[in-house]
Amino acid sequence: MKNLSTILASVSLALNAAFGVGAYVVYEKAKAVLEDPKGFVTEVVKDQIKAKAEAKVQATIDEKKAEAKEALRSKLSALPF
């Protein structure tokens, strides 16, 4: 039982440390946002623009793939078999 209590205490300490580090990271991020809210908003907007651009590029790629498949299908159907 002594080993079990030691293991549980170690796990508890590890979890507390992990949550403490996580809370500190969140605190630092919040502090940075409060100090420079315009910079934070700029980063968010940049991320949104980047996501939209990536989605647009992926849509174009998907469209081109569909067109290529259709062209290949029509060429294959024209072959005499």
PDB file of N, CA and C in Angstrom:
ATOM      1  N   MET A   1       0.813  -1.196   0.000  1.00  0.00           N
ATOM      2  CA  MET A   1       0.000   0.000   0.000  1.00  0.00           C
ATOM      3  C   MET A   1       0.856   1.259   0.000  1.00  0.00           C
ATOM      4  N   LYS A   2       2.051   1.125   0.593  1.00  0.00           N
ATOM      5  CA  LYS A   2       2.927   2.284   0.645  1.00  0.00           C
ATOM      6  C   LYS A   2       3.353   2.703  -0.762  1.00  0.00           C
ATOM      7  N   ASN A   3       3.617   1.696  -1.609  1.00  0.00           N
ATOM      8  CA  ASN A   3       4.004   1.995  -2.987  1.00  0.00           C
ATOM      9  C   ASN A   3       2.858   2.667  -3.748  1.00  0.00           C
ATOM     10  N   LEU A   4       1.650   2.202  -3.521  1.00  0.00           N
ATOM     11  CA  LEU A   4       0.484   2.781  -4.181  1.00  0.00           C
ATOM     12  C   LEU A   4       0.305   4.240  -3.772  1.00  0.00           C
ATOM     13  N   SER A   5       0.464   4.521  -2.501  1.00  0.00           N
ATOM     14  CA  SER A   5       0.308   5.907  -2.051  1.00  0.00           C
ATOM     15  C   SER A   5       1.422   6.786  -2.610  1.00  0.00           C
ATOM     16  N   THR A   6       2.620   6.231  -2.755  1.00  0.00           N
ATOM     17  CA  THR A   6       3.731   6.994  -3.345  1.00  0.00           C
ATOM     18  C   THR A   6       3.444   7.288  -4.816  1.00  0.00           C
ATOM     19  N   ILE A   7       2.940   6.283  -5.525  1.00  0.00           N
ATOM     20  CA  ILE A   7       2.610   6.465  -6.945  1.00  0.00           C
ATOM     21  C   ILE A   7       1.511   7.504  -7.099  1.00  0.00           C
ATOM     22  N   LEU A   8       0.467   7.392  -6.280  1.00  0.00           N
ATOM     23  CA  LEU A   8      -0.640   8.354  -6.367  1.00  0.00           C
ATOM     24  C   LEU A   8      -0.177   9.769  -6.029  1.00  0.00           C
ATOM     25  N   ALA A   9       0.688   9.898  -5.060  1.00  0.00           N
ATOM     26  CA  ALA A   9       1.211  11.221  -4.703  1.00  0.00           C
ATOM     27  C   ALA A   9       2.045  11.787  -5.849  1.00  0.00           C
ATOM     28  N   SER A  10       2.831  10.936  -6.495  1.00  0.00           N
ATOM     29  CA  SER A  10       3.649  11.380  -7.628  1.00  0.00           C
ATOM     30  C   SER A  10       2.771  11.823  -8.794  1.00  0.00           C
ATOM     31  N   VAL A  11       1.736  11.036  -9.069  1.00  0.00           N
ATOM     32  CA  VAL A  11       0.814  11.396 -10.155  1.00  0.00           C
ATOM     33  C   VAL A  11       0.119  12.710  -9.828  1.00  0.00           C
ATOM     34  N   SER A  12      -0.297  12.867  -8.595  1.00  0.00           N
ATOM     35  CA  SER A  12      -0.961  14.102  -8.180  1.00  0.00           C
ATOM     36  C   SER A  12      -0.042  15.308  -8.351  1.00  0.00           C
ATOM     37  N   LEU A  13       1.206  15.164  -7.935  1.00  0.00           N
ATOM     38  CA  LEU A  13       2.170  16.254  -8.095  1.00  0.00           C
ATOM     39  C   LEU A  13       2.413  16.566  -9.568  1.00  0.00           C
ATOM     40  N   ALA A  14       2.514  15.526 -10.393  1.00  0.00           N
ATOM     41  CA  ALA A  14       2.743  15.732 -11.824  1.00  0.00           C
ATOM     42  C   ALA A  14       1.565  16.464 -12.465  1.00  0.00           C
ATOM     43  N   LEU A  15       0.356  16.055 -12.101  1.00  0.00           N
ATOM     44  CA  LEU A  15      -0.828  16.726 -12.654  1.00  0.00           C
ATOM     45  C   LEU A  15      -0.904  18.176 -12.198  1.00  0.00           C
ATOM     46  N   ASN A  16      -0.627  18.412 -10.926  1.00  0.00           N
ATOM     47  CA  ASN A  16      -0.638  19.787 -10.421  1.00  0.00           C
ATOM     48  C   ASN A  16       0.398  20.639 -11.133  1.00  0.00           C
ATOM     49  N   ALA A  17       1.567  20.066 -11.383  1.00  0.00           N
ATOM     50  CA  ALA A  17       2.609  20.804 -12.097  1.00  0.00           C
ATOM     51  C   ALA A  17       2.170  21.098 -13.522  1.00  0.00           C
ATOM     52  N   ALA A  18       1.571  20.109 -14.179  1.00  0.00           N
ATOM     53  CA  ALA A  18       1.121  20.300 -15.555  1.00  0.00           C
ATOM     54  C   ALA A  18       0.058  21.396 -15.630  1.00  0.00           C
ATOM     55  N   PHE A  19      -0.907  21.355 -14.702  1.00  0.00           N
ATOM     56  CA  PHE A  19      -1.943  22.387 -14.699  1.00  0.00           C
ATOM     57  C   PHE A  19      -1.352  23.745 -14.354  1.00  0.00           C
ATOM     58  N   GLY A  20      -0.370  23.749 -13.470  1.00  0.00           N
ATOM     59  CA  GLY A  20       0.285  25.005 -13.109  1.00  0.00           C
ATOM     60  C   GLY A  20       1.007  25.620 -14.291  1.00  0.00           C
ATOM     61  N   VAL A  21       1.713  24.798 -15.052  1.00  0.00           N
ATOM     62  CA  VAL A  21       2.412  25.293 -16.242  1.00  0.00           C
ATOM     63  C   VAL A  21       1.402  25.761 -17.278  1.00  0.00           C
ATOM     64  N   GLY A  22       0.327  24.987 -17.461  1.00  0.00           N
ATOM     65  CA  GLY A  22      -0.715  25.379 -18.404  1.00  0.00           C
ATOM     66  C   GLY A  22      -1.353  26.703 -18.019  1.00  0.00           C
ATOM     67  N   ALA A  23      -1.621  26.868 -16.742  1.00  0.00           N
ATOM     68  CA  ALA A  23      -2.214  28.117 -16.270  1.00  0.00           C
ATOM     69  C   ALA A  23      -1.254  29.282 -16.475  1.00  0.00           C
ATOM     70  N   TYR A  24       0.020  29.044 -16.258  1.00  0.00           N
ATOM     71  CA  TYR A  24       1.012  30.104 -16.456  1.00  0.00           C
ATOM     72  C   TYR A  24       1.086  30.508 -17.925  1.00  0.00           C
ATOM     73  N   VAL A  25       1.031  29.529 -18.817  1.00  0.00           N
ATOM     74  CA  VAL A  25       1.062  29.827 -20.251  1.00  0.00           C
ATOM     75  C   VAL A  25      -0.159  30.653 -20.640  1.00  0.00           C
ATOM     76  N   VAL A  26      -1.321  30.262 -20.144  1.00  0.00           N
ATOM     77  CA  VAL A  26      -2.549  31.016 -20.433  1.00  0.00           C
ATOM     78  C   VAL A  26      -2.432  32.425 -19.869  1.00  0.00           C
ATOM     79  N   TYR A  27      -1.902  32.544 -18.657  1.00  0.00           N
ATOM     80  CA  TYR A  27      -1.712  33.860 -18.042  1.00  0.00           C
ATOM     81  C   TYR A  27      -0.798  34.733 -18.894  1.00  0.00           C
ATOM     82  N   GLU A  28       0.316  34.173 -19.339  1.00  0.00           N
ATOM     83  CA  GLU A  28       1.256  34.942 -20.162  1.00  0.00           C
ATOM     84  C   GLU A  28       0.611  35.375 -21.482  1.00  0.00           C
ATOM     85  N   LYS A  29      -0.164  34.480 -22.085  1.00  0.00           N
ATOM     86  CA  LYS A  29      -0.835  34.811 -23.344  1.00  0.00           C
ATOM     87  C   LYS A  29      -1.867  35.915 -23.126  1.00  0.00           C
ATOM     88  N   ALA A  30      -2.633  35.805 -22.037  1.00  0.00           N
ATOM     89  CA  ALA A  30      -3.631  36.834 -21.722  1.00  0.00           C
ATOM     90  C   ALA A  30      -2.951  38.171 -21.435  1.00  0.00           C
ATOM     91  N   LYS A  31      -1.843  38.131 -20.732  1.00  0.00           N
ATOM     92  CA  LYS A  31      -1.106  39.358 -20.429  1.00  0.00           C
ATOM     93  C   LYS A  31      -0.603  40.004 -21.725  1.00  0.00           C
ATOM     94  N   ALA A  32      -0.107  39.187 -22.649  1.00  0.00           N
ATOM     95  CA  ALA A  32       0.372  39.718 -23.930  1.00  0.00           C
ATOM     96  C   ALA A  32      -0.774  40.345 -24.718  1.00  0.00           C
ATOM     97  N   VAL A  33      -1.946  39.731 -24.663  1.00  0.00           N
ATOM     98  CA  VAL A  33      -3.112  40.277 -25.371  1.00  0.00           C
ATOM     99  C   VAL A  33      -3.517  41.606 -24.752  1.00  0.00           C
ATOM    100  N   LEU A  34      -3.508  41.674 -23.433  1.00  0.00           N
ATOM    101  CA  LEU A  34      -3.890  42.915 -22.774  1.00  0.00           C
ATOM    102  C   LEU A  34      -2.892  44.031 -23.060  1.00  0.00           C
ATOM    103  N   GLU A  35      -1.625  43.676 -23.181  1.00  0.00           N
ATOM    104  CA  GLU A  35      -0.612  44.689 -23.463  1.00  0.00           C
ATOM    105  C   GLU A  35      -0.660  45.167 -24.905  1.00  0.00           C
ATOM    106  N   ASP A  36      -1.015  44.269 -25.833  1.00  0.00           N
ATOM    107  CA  ASP A  36      -1.034  44.635 -27.248  1.00  0.00           C
ATOM    108  C   ASP A  36      -2.253  44.009 -27.925  1.00  0.00           C
ATOM    109  N   PRO A  37      -3.463  44.527 -27.640  1.00  0.00           N
ATOM    110  CA  PRO A  37      -4.659  43.916 -28.226  1.00  0.00           C
ATOM    111  C   PRO A  37      -4.708  44.047 -29.747  1.00  0.00           C
ATOM    112  N   LYS A  38      -4.158  45.128 -30.268  1.00  0.00           N
ATOM    113  CA  LYS A  38      -4.177  45.316 -31.714  1.00  0.00           C
ATOM    114  C   LYS A  38      -3.330  44.241 -32.407  1.00  0.00           C
ATOM    115  N   GLY A  39      -2.191  43.927 -31.822  1.00  0.00           N
ATOM    116  CA  GLY A  39      -1.340  42.877 -32.374  1.00  0.00           C
ATOM    117  C   GLY A  39      -2.027  41.526 -32.354  1.00  0.00           C
ATOM    118  N   PHE A  40      -2.772  41.257 -31.259  1.00  0.00           N
ATOM    119  CA  PHE A  40      -3.502  39.992 -31.162  1.00  0.00           C
ATOM    120  C   PHE A  40      -4.576  39.913 -32.233  1.00  0.00           C
ATOM    121  N   VAL A  41      -5.323  40.994 -32.393  1.00  0.00           N
ATOM    122  CA  VAL A  41      -6.373  41.012 -33.411  1.00  0.00           C
ATOM    123  C   VAL A  41      -5.760  40.850 -34.798  1.00  0.00           C
ATOM    124  N   THR A  42      -4.625  41.492 -35.024  1.00  0.00           N
ATOM    125  CA  THR A  42      -3.946  41.362 -36.309  1.00  0.00           C
ATOM    126  C   THR A  42      -3.575  39.907 -36.566  1.00  0.00           C
ATOM    127  N   GLU A  43      -3.072  39.222 -35.548  1.00  0.00           N
ATOM    128  CA  GLU A  43      -2.703  37.810 -35.706  1.00  0.00           C
ATOM    129  C   GLU A  43      -3.938  36.960 -36.006  1.00  0.00           C
ATOM    130  N   VAL A  44      -5.043  37.247 -35.312  1.00  0.00           N
ATOM    131  CA  VAL A  44      -6.273  36.489 -35.543  1.00  0.00           C
ATOM    132  C   VAL A  44      -6.760  36.711 -36.966  1.00  0.00           C
ATOM    133  N   VAL A  45      -6.740  37.950 -37.409  1.00  0.00           N
ATOM    134  CA  VAL A  45      -7.181  38.263 -38.767  1.00  0.00           C
ATOM    135  C   VAL A  45      -6.263  37.590 -39.788  1.00  0.00           C
ATOM    136  N   LYS A  46      -4.946  37.625 -39.532  1.00  0.00           N
ATOM    137  CA  LYS A  46      -4.007  36.952 -40.440  1.00  0.00           C
ATOM    138  C   LYS A  46      -4.318  35.463 -40.529  1.00  0.00           C
ATOM    139  N   ASP A  47      -4.599  34.843 -39.386  1.00  0.00           N
ATOM    140  CA  ASP A  47      -4.920  33.418 -39.375  1.00  0.00           C
ATOM    141  C   ASP A  47      -6.199  33.134 -40.160  1.00  0.00           C
ATOM    142  N   GLN A  48      -7.190  34.019 -40.016  1.00  0.00           N
ATOM    143  CA  GLN A  48      -8.446  33.832 -40.741  1.00  0.00           C
ATOM    144  C   GLN A  48      -8.232  33.991 -42.248  1.00  0.00           C
ATOM    145  N   ILE A  49      -7.455  34.986 -42.639  1.00  0.00           N
ATOM    146  CA  ILE A  49      -7.179  35.204 -44.059  1.00  0.00           C
ATOM    147  C   ILE A  49      -6.422  34.013 -44.623  1.00  0.00           C
ATOM    148  N   LYS A  50      -5.453  33.526 -43.858  1.00  0.00           N
ATOM    149  CA  LYS A  50      -4.669  32.369 -44.294  1.00  0.00           C
ATOM    150  C   LYS A  50      -5.566  31.142 -44.463  1.00  0.00           C
ATOM    151  N   ALA A  51      -6.472  30.925 -43.512  1.00  0.00           N
ATOM    152  CA  ALA A  51      -7.379  29.779 -43.583  1.00  0.00           C
ATOM    153  C   ALA A  51      -8.296  29.884 -44.797  1.00  0.00           C
ATOM    154  N   LYS A  52      -8.792  31.091 -45.063  1.00  0.00           N
ATOM    155  CA  LYS A  52      -9.657  31.279 -46.232  1.00  0.00           C
ATOM    156  C   LYS A  52      -8.885  31.032 -47.527  1.00  0.00           C
ATOM    157  N   ALA A  53      -7.643  31.525 -47.590  1.00  0.00           N
ATOM    158  CA  ALA A  53      -6.825  31.329 -48.783  1.00  0.00           C
ATOM    159  C   ALA A  53      -6.531  29.851 -48.995  1.00  0.00           C
ATOM    160  N   GLU A  54      -6.211  29.152 -47.911  1.00  0.00           N
ATOM    161  CA  GLU A  54      -5.937  27.718 -48.023  1.00  0.00           C
ATOM    162  C   GLU A  54      -7.178  26.964 -48.492  1.00  0.00           C
ATOM    163  N   ALA A  55      -8.338  27.340 -47.981  1.00  0.00           N
ATOM    164  CA  ALA A  55      -9.583  26.693 -48.393  1.00  0.00           C
ATOM    165  C   ALA A  55      -9.861  26.958 -49.871  1.00  0.00           C
ATOM    166  N   LYS A  56      -9.580  28.180 -50.311  1.00  0.00           N
ATOM    167  CA  LYS A  56      -9.795  28.537 -51.714  1.00  0.00           C
ATOM    168  C   LYS A  56      -8.864  27.732 -52.627  1.00  0.00           C
ATOM    169  N   VAL A  57      -7.605  27.615 -52.208  1.00  0.00           N
ATOM    170  CA  VAL A  57      -6.640  26.842 -52.987  1.00  0.00           C
ATOM    171  C   VAL A  57      -7.066  25.380 -53.046  1.00  0.00           C
ATOM    172  N   GLN A  58      -7.493  24.828 -51.908  1.00  0.00           N
ATOM    173  CA  GLN A  58      -7.925  23.434 -51.880  1.00  0.00           C
ATOM    174  C   GLN A  58      -9.154  23.234 -52.761  1.00  0.00           C
ATOM    175  N   ALA A  59     -10.076  24.191 -52.762  1.00  0.00           N
ATOM    176  CA  ALA A  59     -11.262  24.093 -53.608  1.00  0.00           C
ATOM    177  C   ALA A  59     -10.861  24.103 -55.078  1.00  0.00           C
ATOM    178  N   THR A  60      -9.896  24.954 -55.441  1.00  0.00           N
ATOM    179  CA  THR A  60      -9.415  25.002 -56.820  1.00  0.00           C
ATOM    180  C   THR A  60      -8.760  23.682 -57.208  1.00  0.00           C
ATOM    181  N   ILE A  61      -7.960  23.132 -56.309  1.00  0.00           N
ATOM    182  CA  ILE A  61      -7.312  21.842 -56.582  1.00  0.00           C
ATOM    183  C   ILE A  61      -8.360  20.759 -56.783  1.00  0.00           C
ATOM    184  N   ASP A  62      -9.363  20.726 -55.909  1.00  0.00           N
ATOM    185  CA  ASP A  62     -10.427  19.723 -56.029  1.00  0.00           C
ATOM    186  C   ASP A  62     -11.181  19.883 -57.339  1.00  0.00           C
ATOM    187  N   GLU A  63     -11.434  21.138 -57.720  1.00  0.00           N
ATOM    188  CA  GLU A  63     -12.136  21.408 -58.978  1.00  0.00           C
ATOM    189  C   GLU A  63     -11.316  20.918 -60.176  1.00  0.00           C
ATOM    190  N   LYS A  64     -10.027  21.206 -60.171  1.00  0.00           N
ATOM    191  CA  LYS A  64      -9.157  20.769 -61.267  1.00  0.00           C
ATOM    192  C   LYS A  64      -9.076  19.249 -61.335  1.00  0.00           C
ATOM    193  N   LYS A  65      -9.034  18.589 -60.166  1.00  0.00           N
ATOM    194  CA  LYS A  65      -9.016  17.125 -60.147  1.00  0.00           C
ATOM    195  C   LYS A  65     -10.292  16.568 -60.763  1.00  0.00           C
ATOM    196  N   ALA A  66     -11.424  17.165 -60.402  1.00  0.00           N
ATOM    197  CA  ALA A  66     -12.710  16.700 -60.933  1.00  0.00           C
ATOM    198  C   ALA A  66     -12.753  16.897 -62.448  1.00  0.00           C
ATOM    199  N   GLU A  67     -12.257  18.040 -62.923  1.00  0.00           N
ATOM    200  CA  GLU A  67     -12.226  18.291 -64.366  1.00  0.00           C
ATOM    201  C   GLU A  67     -11.316  17.289 -65.076  1.00  0.00           C
ATOM    202  N   ALA A  68     -10.166  16.994 -64.478  1.00  0.00           N
ATOM    203  CA  ALA A  68      -9.234  16.050 -65.083  1.00  0.00           C
ATOM    204  C   ALA A  68      -9.835  14.651 -65.120  1.00  0.00           C
ATOM    205  N   LYS A  69     -10.512  14.258 -64.056  1.00  0.00           N
ATOM    206  CA  LYS A  69     -11.167  12.942 -64.038  1.00  0.00           C
ATOM    207  C   LYS A  69     -12.234  12.852 -65.123  1.00  0.00           C
ATOM    208  N   GLU A  70     -13.008  13.912 -65.234  1.00  0.00           N
ATOM    209  CA  GLU A  70     -14.073  13.919 -66.243  1.00  0.00           C
ATOM    210  C   GLU A  70     -13.488  13.864 -67.653  1.00  0.00           C
ATOM    211  N   ALA A  71     -12.419  14.612 -67.899  1.00  0.00           N
ATOM    212  CA  ALA A  71     -11.768  14.591 -69.211  1.00  0.00           C
ATOM    213  C   ALA A  71     -11.210  13.204 -69.510  1.00  0.00           C
ATOM    214  N   LEU A  72     -10.594  12.579 -68.529  1.00  0.00           N
ATOM    215  CA  LEU A  72     -10.046  11.243 -68.706  1.00  0.00           C
ATOM    216  C   LEU A  72     -11.161  10.241 -68.953  1.00  0.00           C
ATOM    217  N   ARG A  73     -12.253  10.365 -68.216  1.00  0.00           N
ATOM    218  CA  ARG A  73     -13.399   9.472 -68.402  1.00  0.00           C
ATOM    219  C   ARG A  73     -13.959   9.599 -69.816  1.00  0.00           C
ATOM    220  N   SER A  74     -14.074  10.826 -70.305  1.00  0.00           N
ATOM    221  CA  SER A  74     -14.633  11.018 -71.650  1.00  0.00           C
ATOM    222  C   SER A  74     -13.666  10.482 -72.720  1.00  0.00           C
ATOM    223  N   LYS A  75     -12.372  10.642 -72.510  1.00  0.00           N
ATOM    224  CA  LYS A  75     -11.403  10.107 -73.464  1.00  0.00           C
ATOM    225  C   LYS A  75     -11.405   8.589 -73.452  1.00  0.00           C
ATOM    226  N   LEU A  76     -11.509   8.004 -72.267  1.00  0.00           N
ATOM    227  CA  LEU A  76     -11.543   6.541 -72.189  1.00  0.00           C
ATOM    228  C   LEU A  76     -12.822   5.972 -72.785  1.00  0.00           C
ATOM    229  N   SER A  77     -13.919   6.684 -72.606  1.00  0.00           N
ATOM    230  CA  SER A  77     -15.173   6.173 -73.176  1.00  0.00           C
ATOM    231  C   SER A  77     -15.181   6.281 -74.704  1.00  0.00           C
ATOM    232  N   ALA A  78     -14.357   7.151 -75.262  1.00  0.00           N
ATOM    233  CA  ALA A  78     -14.287   7.315 -76.712  1.00  0.00           C
ATOM    234  C   ALA A  78     -13.426   6.233 -77.349  1.00  0.00           C
ATOM    235  N   LEU A  79     -12.610   5.535 -76.579  1.00  0.00           N
ATOM    236  CA  LEU A  79     -11.767   4.482 -77.129  1.00  0.00           C
ATOM    237  C   LEU A  79     -12.610   3.274 -77.519  1.00  0.00           C
ATOM    238  N   PRO A  80     -12.300   2.685 -78.665  1.00  0.00           N
ATOM    239  CA  PRO A  80     -13.075   1.499 -79.091  1.00  0.00           C
ATOM    240  C   PRO A  80     -12.563   0.224 -78.399  1.00  0.00           C
ATOM    241  N   PHE A  81     -13.370  -0.332 -77.552  1.00  0.00           N
ATOM    242  CA  PHE A  81     -13.006  -1.590 -76.884  1.00  0.00           C
ATOM    243  C   PHE A  81     -13.989  -2.651 -77.237  1.00  0.00           C
TER     244      PHE A  81
END
